[in-house]
Amino acid sequence: MNPVAPPMATAATEVELFSLAGRDGYLRTVNESFARLLGRSSAELSTTSILELVHPDDIPLTVEGMAALERGDAEVLFENRFLQPDGSTVWLQWVARPVPDSQEWWATGRDVSEFRRLLAGAVDHVARLEVAVGGTSTGSWQLDAATGRVTVDVPMAAMLSLATGVSVSIADLAAVVDETDRASLMAALELARTDQSPTAAVNLDLRVGESAATRHLSLRGKTVERDRRGRPVRVVGLLVDVTDNKAMEEHLMRLAMSDPLTGLANRRAFDQTLRTELRRAARSGQPLTMLMMDIDHFKRFNDTHGHLVGDDVLCTVARALTDVVARPADLVSRFGGEEFAIVLPDTTATAGAAVASRLLDAVRAVRLRQAPDARITISIGCATTASDGVATKAVDLLARADAALYRAKDGGRDRCVLATD
């Protein structure tokens, strides 16, 4: 087998990090991105043991990953820390696979140091919010249960663009938050005026502002004074600006639900979306169509041109699919390996077949810089929920789409086959 060449530093290359290693643990080839990240030259790394580069605490995990490949696992996913010359570390996430008929294995990876930093900081950030008492991101409020008037301090007034030094009605307070949160805010504060439960509390997420300027706030409070009959007299609480925390949560969610190579939704996101949309389809009676697709002869292409070019094929096909499937409600995902899956809500079998036809054309038009004469095609299986409105299980729809996909491949590939009931 010809050696796998490191990627060229061009905008067309989608792989962040690449390495080829022997089963003795020594690196054979690395790309420039990997070398730059570790602050070493490619030549130096190409004769270095992986275990010399990995943080000592992560050596057992790395050895276990290498052992899994040695045992014959087709693919291993792991994260570890690599040492830089100044003693600092970077977190790298790797997908490693054995090179067929050789004593080597190759891996593609990405720097997930920022993700790890955010993940570690999330717990600390939440803990600080729990004990927040003042500062520009925290304000306090007090509700007079008898009058229904709310008094806010200066920081809270600033967050809500309210005048300071005056109390406002519950309705006036609700008027300054996002309209979708107004009813829940009014209901929570009206309940706080009358709730005689000893555990009564206010705990509500609110939004203020519009579009990119939207801020996320957390309103919390509890009754601190009651009359002799146990009725609330005074309710006090905090308003905490959790915009940064929300942004961090959303960023972590995007990382957790995306495929590191193609940037598409991953299998976890696909499973979640399919279940959600099937429930919605059952309620609305509208059809849902799923497309399961596979890159034709991908292994042969990989063996001919190399795994790095194979990864570029996956990324290029992913872009072709997303260019065709443009509705916000649709989901394009990498199902696994060279397989992709698409969820099309409110889509009949006929409409799904039309989308599949456009996908076939889009992929046929793909041309690779590294292999301009290569012809790339896909096979597609199309399955739609039952027309009688009976709820369809995710596993059943998947099985029908998968069976249709295999019929497409058996029928000559580069085509779409509709699933039969």
Protein backbone atom coordinates (compact mmCIF):
# COMPACT_ATOMS: atom_id res chain seq x y z
CA MET A 1 0.00 0.00 0.00
CA ASN A 2 1.27 3.47 -0.80
CA PRO A 3 2.02 5.63 2.26
CA VAL A 4 -0.64 8.15 3.22
CA ALA A 5 0.59 11.65 2.49
CA PRO A 6 0.03 14.44 5.00
CA PRO A 7 -2.56 17.05 3.99
CA MET A 8 -1.54 20.18 2.16
CA ALA A 9 -2.28 23.44 3.93
CA THR A 10 -5.10 24.62 1.68
CA ALA A 11 -8.55 26.01 2.36
CA ALA A 12 -10.04 22.94 0.69
CA THR A 13 -8.64 20.59 3.35
CA GLU A 14 -11.27 19.93 6.00
CA VAL A 15 -9.17 17.72 8.34
CA GLU A 16 -7.74 19.69 11.26
CA LEU A 17 -5.17 17.17 12.51
CA PHE A 18 -3.79 14.01 10.94
CA SER A 19 -1.27 11.37 11.97
CA LEU A 20 -0.09 7.98 10.75
CA ALA A 21 1.50 5.75 13.38
CA GLY A 22 2.93 2.27 13.65
CA ARG A 23 1.66 -0.32 16.05
CA ASP A 24 4.94 0.16 17.93
CA GLY A 25 3.52 3.52 19.03
CA TYR A 26 5.87 5.67 16.95
CA LEU A 27 4.51 8.34 14.62
CA ARG A 28 5.27 7.92 10.93
CA THR A 29 3.62 10.99 9.38
CA VAL A 30 1.86 14.06 10.76
CA ASN A 31 0.38 17.09 9.05
CA GLU A 32 1.57 20.64 9.61
CA SER A 33 -1.47 21.54 11.73
CA PHE A 34 -0.59 18.82 14.25
CA ALA A 35 3.07 19.85 14.30
CA ARG A 36 2.25 23.54 14.81
CA LEU A 37 -0.20 22.75 17.61
CA LEU A 38 2.48 20.85 19.53
CA GLY A 39 5.20 23.41 18.77
CA ARG A 40 7.44 20.89 17.03
CA SER A 41 8.53 20.15 13.48
CA SER A 42 6.88 17.47 11.37
CA ALA A 43 10.26 15.78 10.96
CA GLU A 44 10.80 15.66 14.73
CA LEU A 45 7.33 14.26 15.40
CA SER A 46 7.65 11.67 12.64
CA THR A 47 10.22 9.74 14.72
CA THR A 48 8.67 10.23 18.15
CA SER A 49 6.67 7.84 20.29
CA ILE A 50 3.11 8.98 20.94
CA LEU A 51 3.56 8.15 24.62
CA GLU A 52 6.39 10.72 24.86
CA LEU A 53 3.95 13.42 23.78
CA VAL A 54 0.92 12.48 25.86
CA HIS A 55 0.33 13.86 29.36
CA PRO A 56 1.41 11.18 31.91
CA ASP A 57 -2.09 10.97 33.39
CA ASP A 58 -3.52 10.12 29.96
CA ILE A 59 -1.02 7.43 28.99
CA PRO A 60 -3.25 4.55 30.26
CA LEU A 61 -6.18 5.83 28.15
CA THR A 62 -3.94 6.18 25.10
CA VAL A 63 -2.51 2.69 25.56
CA GLU A 64 -6.02 1.27 25.87
CA GLY A 65 -7.01 2.97 22.59
CA MET A 66 -3.97 1.52 20.83
CA ALA A 67 -4.71 -1.89 22.32
CA ALA A 68 -8.29 -1.73 20.99
CA LEU A 69 -6.93 -1.15 17.49
CA GLU A 70 -4.50 -4.01 17.98
CA ARG A 71 -7.42 -6.26 18.97
CA GLY A 72 -9.09 -5.49 15.66
CA ASP A 73 -11.53 -2.69 16.52
CA ALA A 74 -12.53 -0.91 13.29
CA GLU A 75 -12.59 2.53 14.91
CA VAL A 76 -11.57 4.04 18.25
CA LEU A 77 -12.62 7.46 19.57
CA PHE A 78 -10.71 8.95 22.49
CA GLU A 79 -9.53 12.24 23.99
CA ASN A 80 -6.20 12.93 25.63
CA ARG A 81 -3.84 15.75 26.52
CA PHE A 82 -0.67 16.41 24.54
CA LEU A 83 2.32 18.25 25.99
CA GLN A 84 3.69 21.42 24.44
CA PRO A 85 7.34 22.51 24.79
CA ASP A 86 6.51 25.06 27.50
CA GLY A 87 4.82 22.39 29.63
CA SER A 88 1.25 23.44 28.86
CA THR A 89 -1.23 20.96 27.44
CA VAL A 90 -3.85 20.82 24.70
CA TRP A 91 -6.84 18.48 24.66
CA LEU A 92 -7.17 16.57 21.39
CA GLN A 93 -10.04 14.35 20.25
CA TRP A 94 -9.09 11.54 17.85
CA VAL A 95 -10.83 9.09 15.59
CA ALA A 96 -8.32 6.32 14.85
CA ARG A 97 -8.61 3.38 12.45
CA PRO A 98 -6.20 0.62 11.40
CA VAL A 99 -4.68 0.78 7.92
CA PRO A 100 -5.74 -2.47 6.16
CA ASP A 101 -3.01 -5.04 5.52
CA SER A 102 -0.35 -3.12 7.41
CA GLN A 103 1.12 -2.63 10.87
CA GLU A 104 -0.01 0.98 10.98
CA TRP A 105 -3.02 3.00 12.03
CA TRP A 106 -4.11 6.48 11.10
CA ALA A 107 -6.07 9.11 12.97
CA THR A 108 -7.82 12.41 12.34
CA GLY A 109 -8.46 14.77 15.18
CA ARG A 110 -9.30 18.24 16.40
CA ASP A 111 -8.32 20.56 19.23
CA VAL A 112 -11.05 20.42 21.91
CA SER A 113 -9.18 22.43 24.55
CA GLU A 114 -11.78 25.21 24.45
CA PHE A 115 -14.59 22.69 24.84
CA ARG A 116 -12.83 21.15 27.86
CA ARG A 117 -12.26 24.59 29.37
CA LEU A 118 -15.92 25.50 28.98
CA LEU A 119 -17.02 22.16 30.37
CA ALA A 120 -14.83 22.57 33.45
CA GLY A 121 -15.98 26.14 33.90
CA ALA A 122 -19.67 25.31 33.61
CA VAL A 123 -19.93 23.76 37.07
CA ASP A 124 -18.03 26.64 38.65
CA HIS A 125 -20.15 29.20 36.82
CA VAL A 126 -23.41 27.62 37.96
CA ALA A 127 -22.12 27.43 41.54
CA ARG A 128 -21.25 31.13 41.50
CA LEU A 129 -24.69 32.00 40.19
CA GLU A 130 -26.27 30.09 43.06
CA VAL A 131 -24.55 32.31 45.63
CA ALA A 132 -24.55 35.53 43.63
CA VAL A 133 -25.36 38.52 45.85
CA GLY A 134 -25.03 41.77 44.04
CA GLY A 135 -22.86 43.10 41.23
CA THR A 136 -23.87 44.29 37.81
CA SER A 137 -25.25 40.88 36.80
CA THR A 138 -27.47 40.48 39.85
CA GLY A 139 -30.35 42.60 41.16
CA SER A 140 -32.88 42.15 43.95
CA TRP A 141 -36.63 42.63 44.12
CA GLN A 142 -39.40 42.68 46.70
CA LEU A 143 -43.09 41.95 46.21
CA ASP A 144 -45.74 43.40 48.53
CA ALA A 145 -48.33 40.63 48.52
CA ALA A 146 -51.16 42.91 49.63
CA THR A 147 -50.74 45.55 46.91
CA GLY A 148 -49.13 43.45 44.20
CA ARG A 149 -46.43 46.11 43.77
CA VAL A 150 -42.83 45.13 43.03
CA THR A 151 -39.87 47.21 44.17
CA VAL A 152 -36.53 46.66 42.44
CA ASP A 153 -33.02 47.81 43.29
CA VAL A 154 -30.75 49.85 40.99
CA PRO A 155 -28.98 46.89 39.28
CA MET A 156 -32.29 45.18 38.50
CA ALA A 157 -33.81 48.41 37.25
CA ALA A 158 -30.82 48.79 34.91
CA MET A 159 -31.21 45.23 33.60
CA LEU A 160 -34.89 45.81 32.82
CA SER A 161 -34.60 49.47 31.78
CA LEU A 162 -36.96 50.53 34.57
CA ALA A 163 -36.98 53.79 36.49
CA THR A 164 -35.27 53.54 39.88
CA GLY A 165 -36.83 54.44 43.20
CA VAL A 166 -40.40 53.49 42.29
CA SER A 167 -42.45 50.35 42.61
CA VAL A 168 -44.28 48.85 39.62
CA SER A 169 -47.27 46.60 39.21
CA ILE A 170 -46.85 42.98 38.22
CA ALA A 171 -48.32 43.83 34.82
CA ASP A 172 -45.86 46.70 34.31
CA LEU A 173 -42.96 44.41 35.23
CA ALA A 174 -44.16 41.77 32.79
CA ALA A 175 -44.42 44.35 30.03
CA VAL A 176 -40.63 44.82 29.86
CA VAL A 177 -39.75 41.15 29.26
CA ASP A 178 -40.11 39.14 26.07
CA GLU A 179 -43.76 38.73 25.13
CA THR A 180 -43.52 34.93 25.21
CA ASP A 181 -42.47 35.12 28.90
CA ARG A 182 -45.02 37.68 30.11
CA ALA A 183 -47.85 35.30 30.98
CA SER A 184 -45.59 32.97 32.95
CA LEU A 185 -44.05 35.89 34.89
CA MET A 186 -47.45 37.29 35.84
CA ALA A 187 -48.72 33.85 36.85
CA ALA A 188 -45.65 33.14 39.00
CA LEU A 189 -45.84 36.44 40.90
CA GLU A 190 -49.63 36.28 41.35
CA LEU A 191 -49.24 32.78 42.76
CA ALA A 192 -46.49 34.03 45.11
CA ARG A 193 -48.99 36.52 46.57
CA THR A 194 -51.35 33.77 47.72
CA ASP A 195 -49.35 30.53 47.99
CA GLN A 196 -49.39 29.36 51.64
CA SER A 197 -47.14 26.37 51.05
CA PRO A 198 -44.00 26.50 53.25
CA THR A 199 -41.90 25.53 50.24
CA ALA A 200 -43.39 28.15 47.91
CA ALA A 201 -40.78 29.69 45.64
CA VAL A 202 -40.43 31.66 42.42
CA ASN A 203 -38.06 30.11 39.85
CA LEU A 204 -38.41 31.42 36.31
CA ASP A 205 -36.28 32.00 33.22
CA LEU A 206 -36.94 35.23 31.33
CA ARG A 207 -35.64 37.04 28.26
CA VAL A 208 -35.30 40.74 27.55
CA GLY A 209 -34.15 42.56 24.43
CA GLU A 210 -34.42 41.52 20.81
CA SER A 211 -32.49 39.28 18.43
CA ALA A 212 -28.72 39.37 18.96
CA ALA A 213 -29.16 41.72 21.93
CA THR A 214 -31.37 39.25 23.84
CA ARG A 215 -30.31 38.67 27.43
CA HIS A 216 -31.33 35.67 29.50
CA LEU A 217 -32.34 36.29 33.11
CA SER A 218 -33.15 34.00 36.00
CA LEU A 219 -35.79 35.23 38.47
CA ARG A 220 -35.79 33.54 41.87
CA GLY A 221 -37.55 34.35 45.10
CA LYS A 222 -39.30 33.08 48.22
CA THR A 223 -41.72 34.29 50.87
CA VAL A 224 -39.88 35.72 53.88
CA GLU A 225 -42.82 37.12 55.85
CA ARG A 226 -46.33 35.76 56.48
CA ASP A 227 -49.29 36.88 58.58
CA ARG A 228 -50.73 34.86 61.45
CA ARG A 229 -52.83 32.80 59.00
CA GLY A 230 -49.78 31.87 56.96
CA ARG A 231 -50.64 34.14 54.06
CA PRO A 232 -47.70 35.78 52.23
CA VAL A 233 -46.90 39.36 53.23
CA ARG A 234 -43.52 39.90 51.60
CA VAL A 235 -41.70 37.97 48.87
CA VAL A 236 -38.07 38.78 48.05
CA GLY A 237 -35.69 37.47 45.46
CA LEU A 238 -32.87 37.92 42.96
CA LEU A 239 -32.74 38.57 39.23
CA VAL A 240 -29.53 37.09 37.79
CA ASP A 241 -28.20 37.75 34.28
CA VAL A 242 -27.34 34.27 32.96
CA THR A 243 -26.71 35.28 29.34
CA ASP A 244 -23.10 34.05 29.40
CA ASN A 245 -24.17 30.80 31.01
CA LYS A 246 -26.84 30.25 28.34
CA ALA A 247 -24.34 30.95 25.57
CA MET A 248 -21.93 28.46 27.12
CA GLU A 249 -24.65 25.81 27.42
CA GLU A 250 -25.64 26.32 23.77
CA HIS A 251 -22.01 26.08 22.66
CA LEU A 252 -21.50 22.86 24.60
CA MET A 253 -24.70 21.46 23.13
CA ARG A 254 -23.58 22.28 19.60
CA LEU A 255 -20.29 20.49 20.19
CA ALA A 256 -22.01 17.48 21.73
CA MET A 257 -24.50 17.18 18.86
CA SER A 258 -22.17 17.72 15.89
CA ASP A 259 -19.89 15.45 13.88
CA PRO A 260 -16.27 16.62 14.32
CA LEU A 261 -15.25 15.91 10.72
CA THR A 262 -18.14 17.17 8.59
CA GLY A 263 -19.76 19.64 10.98
CA LEU A 264 -23.16 18.02 10.38
CA ALA A 265 -25.48 16.86 13.13
CA ASN A 266 -24.22 13.58 14.56
CA ARG A 267 -26.02 10.31 15.31
CA ARG A 268 -27.12 11.56 18.74
CA ALA A 269 -28.74 14.64 17.22
CA PHE A 270 -30.36 12.55 14.48
CA ASP A 271 -31.92 10.10 16.95
CA GLN A 272 -33.27 12.92 19.11
CA THR A 273 -34.69 14.85 16.16
CA LEU A 274 -36.28 11.79 14.57
CA ARG A 275 -38.09 10.85 17.79
CA THR A 276 -39.29 14.44 18.32
CA GLU A 277 -40.52 14.84 14.74
CA LEU A 278 -42.27 11.46 14.75
CA ARG A 279 -44.22 12.47 17.84
CA ARG A 280 -45.13 15.76 16.19
CA ALA A 281 -46.16 13.96 12.99
CA ALA A 282 -48.41 11.62 14.99
CA ARG A 283 -50.15 14.61 16.60
CA SER A 284 -50.54 16.64 13.41
CA GLY A 285 -51.28 13.79 11.01
CA GLN A 286 -48.68 15.19 8.61
CA PRO A 287 -46.24 12.79 6.89
CA LEU A 288 -42.55 12.58 7.72
CA THR A 289 -39.97 11.27 5.28
CA MET A 290 -36.52 9.96 6.06
CA LEU A 291 -33.67 9.52 3.58
CA MET A 292 -30.86 7.09 4.33
CA MET A 293 -27.87 7.38 1.99
CA ASP A 294 -24.46 5.84 1.49
CA ILE A 295 -21.47 6.94 -0.62
CA ASP A 296 -21.02 4.34 -3.35
CA HIS A 297 -17.77 2.31 -3.36
CA PHE A 298 -16.33 4.47 -0.60
CA LYS A 299 -13.84 1.81 0.55
CA ARG A 300 -12.50 1.40 -2.97
CA PHE A 301 -12.14 5.18 -3.22
CA ASN A 302 -10.36 5.26 0.14
CA ASP A 303 -7.94 2.51 -0.86
CA THR A 304 -7.15 4.21 -4.19
CA HIS A 305 -6.67 7.79 -3.07
CA GLY A 306 -5.92 7.49 0.66
CA HIS A 307 -7.90 8.04 3.83
CA LEU A 308 -7.22 11.76 4.04
CA VAL A 309 -8.78 12.32 0.63
CA GLY A 310 -11.57 9.99 1.76
CA ASP A 311 -12.27 12.36 4.63
CA ASP A 312 -12.40 15.23 2.16
CA VAL A 313 -14.97 13.24 0.16
CA LEU A 314 -17.14 12.99 3.28
CA CYS A 315 -16.90 16.73 3.89
CA THR A 316 -17.58 17.61 0.27
CA VAL A 317 -20.62 15.34 0.07
CA ALA A 318 -21.86 16.80 3.36
CA ARG A 319 -21.74 20.30 1.85
CA ALA A 320 -23.56 19.11 -1.27
CA LEU A 321 -26.36 17.62 0.85
CA THR A 322 -26.81 20.76 2.96
CA ASP A 323 -26.88 22.94 -0.17
CA VAL A 324 -29.95 20.98 -1.37
CA VAL A 325 -31.76 20.56 1.94
CA ALA A 326 -32.36 24.16 2.96
CA ARG A 327 -35.53 24.21 5.11
CA PRO A 328 -34.83 25.11 8.76
CA ALA A 329 -36.93 22.18 10.00
CA ASP A 330 -34.99 19.59 7.96
CA LEU A 331 -32.00 17.82 9.50
CA VAL A 332 -28.96 16.54 7.61
CA SER A 333 -26.76 14.26 9.71
CA ARG A 334 -23.77 11.99 9.45
CA PHE A 335 -25.24 8.67 10.51
CA GLY A 336 -21.91 6.90 10.73
CA GLY A 337 -18.93 6.08 8.50
CA GLU A 338 -19.89 6.98 4.93
CA GLU A 339 -23.63 6.96 5.71
CA PHE A 340 -25.80 10.07 5.98
CA ALA A 341 -29.43 10.45 7.06
CA ILE A 342 -31.90 13.26 6.49
CA VAL A 343 -35.17 13.96 8.35
CA LEU A 344 -37.80 15.81 6.30
CA PRO A 345 -40.83 16.81 8.41
CA ASP A 346 -44.18 17.50 6.69
CA THR A 347 -42.93 15.74 3.56
CA THR A 348 -44.76 13.12 1.49
CA ALA A 349 -43.05 10.18 -0.20
CA THR A 350 -43.37 11.94 -3.57
CA ALA A 351 -41.81 15.13 -2.24
CA GLY A 352 -39.11 13.11 -0.49
CA ALA A 353 -38.27 11.34 -3.76
CA ALA A 354 -37.96 14.75 -5.46
CA VAL A 355 -35.49 15.88 -2.78
CA ALA A 356 -33.57 12.63 -3.26
CA SER A 357 -33.35 13.27 -7.01
CA ARG A 358 -31.80 16.69 -6.39
CA LEU A 359 -29.36 15.15 -3.92
CA LEU A 360 -28.25 12.58 -6.50
CA ASP A 361 -27.60 15.36 -9.03
CA ALA A 362 -25.74 17.51 -6.51
CA VAL A 363 -23.37 14.70 -5.53
CA ARG A 364 -22.76 13.70 -9.16
CA ALA A 365 -21.59 17.27 -9.76
CA VAL A 366 -18.99 17.10 -6.96
CA ARG A 367 -15.37 17.42 -8.05
CA LEU A 368 -12.35 17.00 -5.80
CA ARG A 369 -9.20 19.04 -6.08
CA GLN A 370 -7.10 16.01 -5.06
CA ALA A 371 -8.79 13.63 -7.54
CA PRO A 372 -10.55 15.69 -10.23
CA ASP A 373 -11.37 12.64 -12.38
CA ALA A 374 -13.00 10.70 -9.57
CA ARG A 375 -16.75 10.19 -9.87
CA ILE A 376 -18.69 10.30 -6.62
CA THR A 377 -22.26 9.01 -6.33
CA ILE A 378 -24.62 8.03 -3.55
CA SER A 379 -27.41 5.52 -3.10
CA ILE A 380 -30.57 6.55 -1.23
CA GLY A 381 -33.35 4.74 0.59
CA CYS A 382 -36.54 6.76 1.15
CA ALA A 383 -39.16 5.87 3.79
CA THR A 384 -42.29 7.78 4.83
CA THR A 385 -44.60 7.44 7.82
CA ALA A 386 -47.86 5.53 7.40
CA SER A 387 -50.49 7.39 5.39
CA ASP A 388 -53.29 6.17 7.70
CA GLY A 389 -52.00 8.37 10.52
CA VAL A 390 -50.91 5.46 12.73
CA ALA A 391 -47.83 6.46 14.74
CA THR A 392 -44.58 5.10 13.32
CA LYS A 393 -41.74 4.00 15.56
CA ALA A 394 -38.29 5.38 14.85
CA VAL A 395 -36.77 1.90 14.65
CA ASP A 396 -39.38 0.82 12.08
CA LEU A 397 -38.84 3.88 9.86
CA LEU A 398 -35.08 3.36 10.07
CA ALA A 399 -35.39 -0.30 9.12
CA ARG A 400 -37.55 0.50 6.09
CA ALA A 401 -35.23 3.26 4.88
CA ASP A 402 -32.21 1.02 5.39
CA ALA A 403 -33.81 -1.84 3.46
CA ALA A 404 -34.64 0.56 0.61
CA LEU A 405 -31.03 1.78 0.64
CA TYR A 406 -29.72 -1.75 0.17
CA ARG A 407 -32.15 -2.33 -2.68
CA ALA A 408 -30.78 0.83 -4.31
CA LYS A 409 -27.24 -0.49 -3.99
CA ASP A 410 -28.23 -3.94 -5.25
CA GLY A 411 -30.00 -2.28 -8.18
CA GLY A 412 -26.86 -0.62 -9.49
CA ARG A 413 -26.24 2.28 -7.06
CA ASP A 414 -26.48 6.02 -7.86
CA ARG A 415 -30.25 5.93 -7.41
CA CYS A 416 -33.10 6.30 -4.92
CA VAL A 417 -35.47 3.47 -3.99
CA LEU A 418 -38.72 4.06 -2.10
CA ALA A 419 -39.45 1.81 0.85
CA THR A 420 -42.36 -0.60 0.64
CA ASP A 421 -44.81 -0.99 3.51
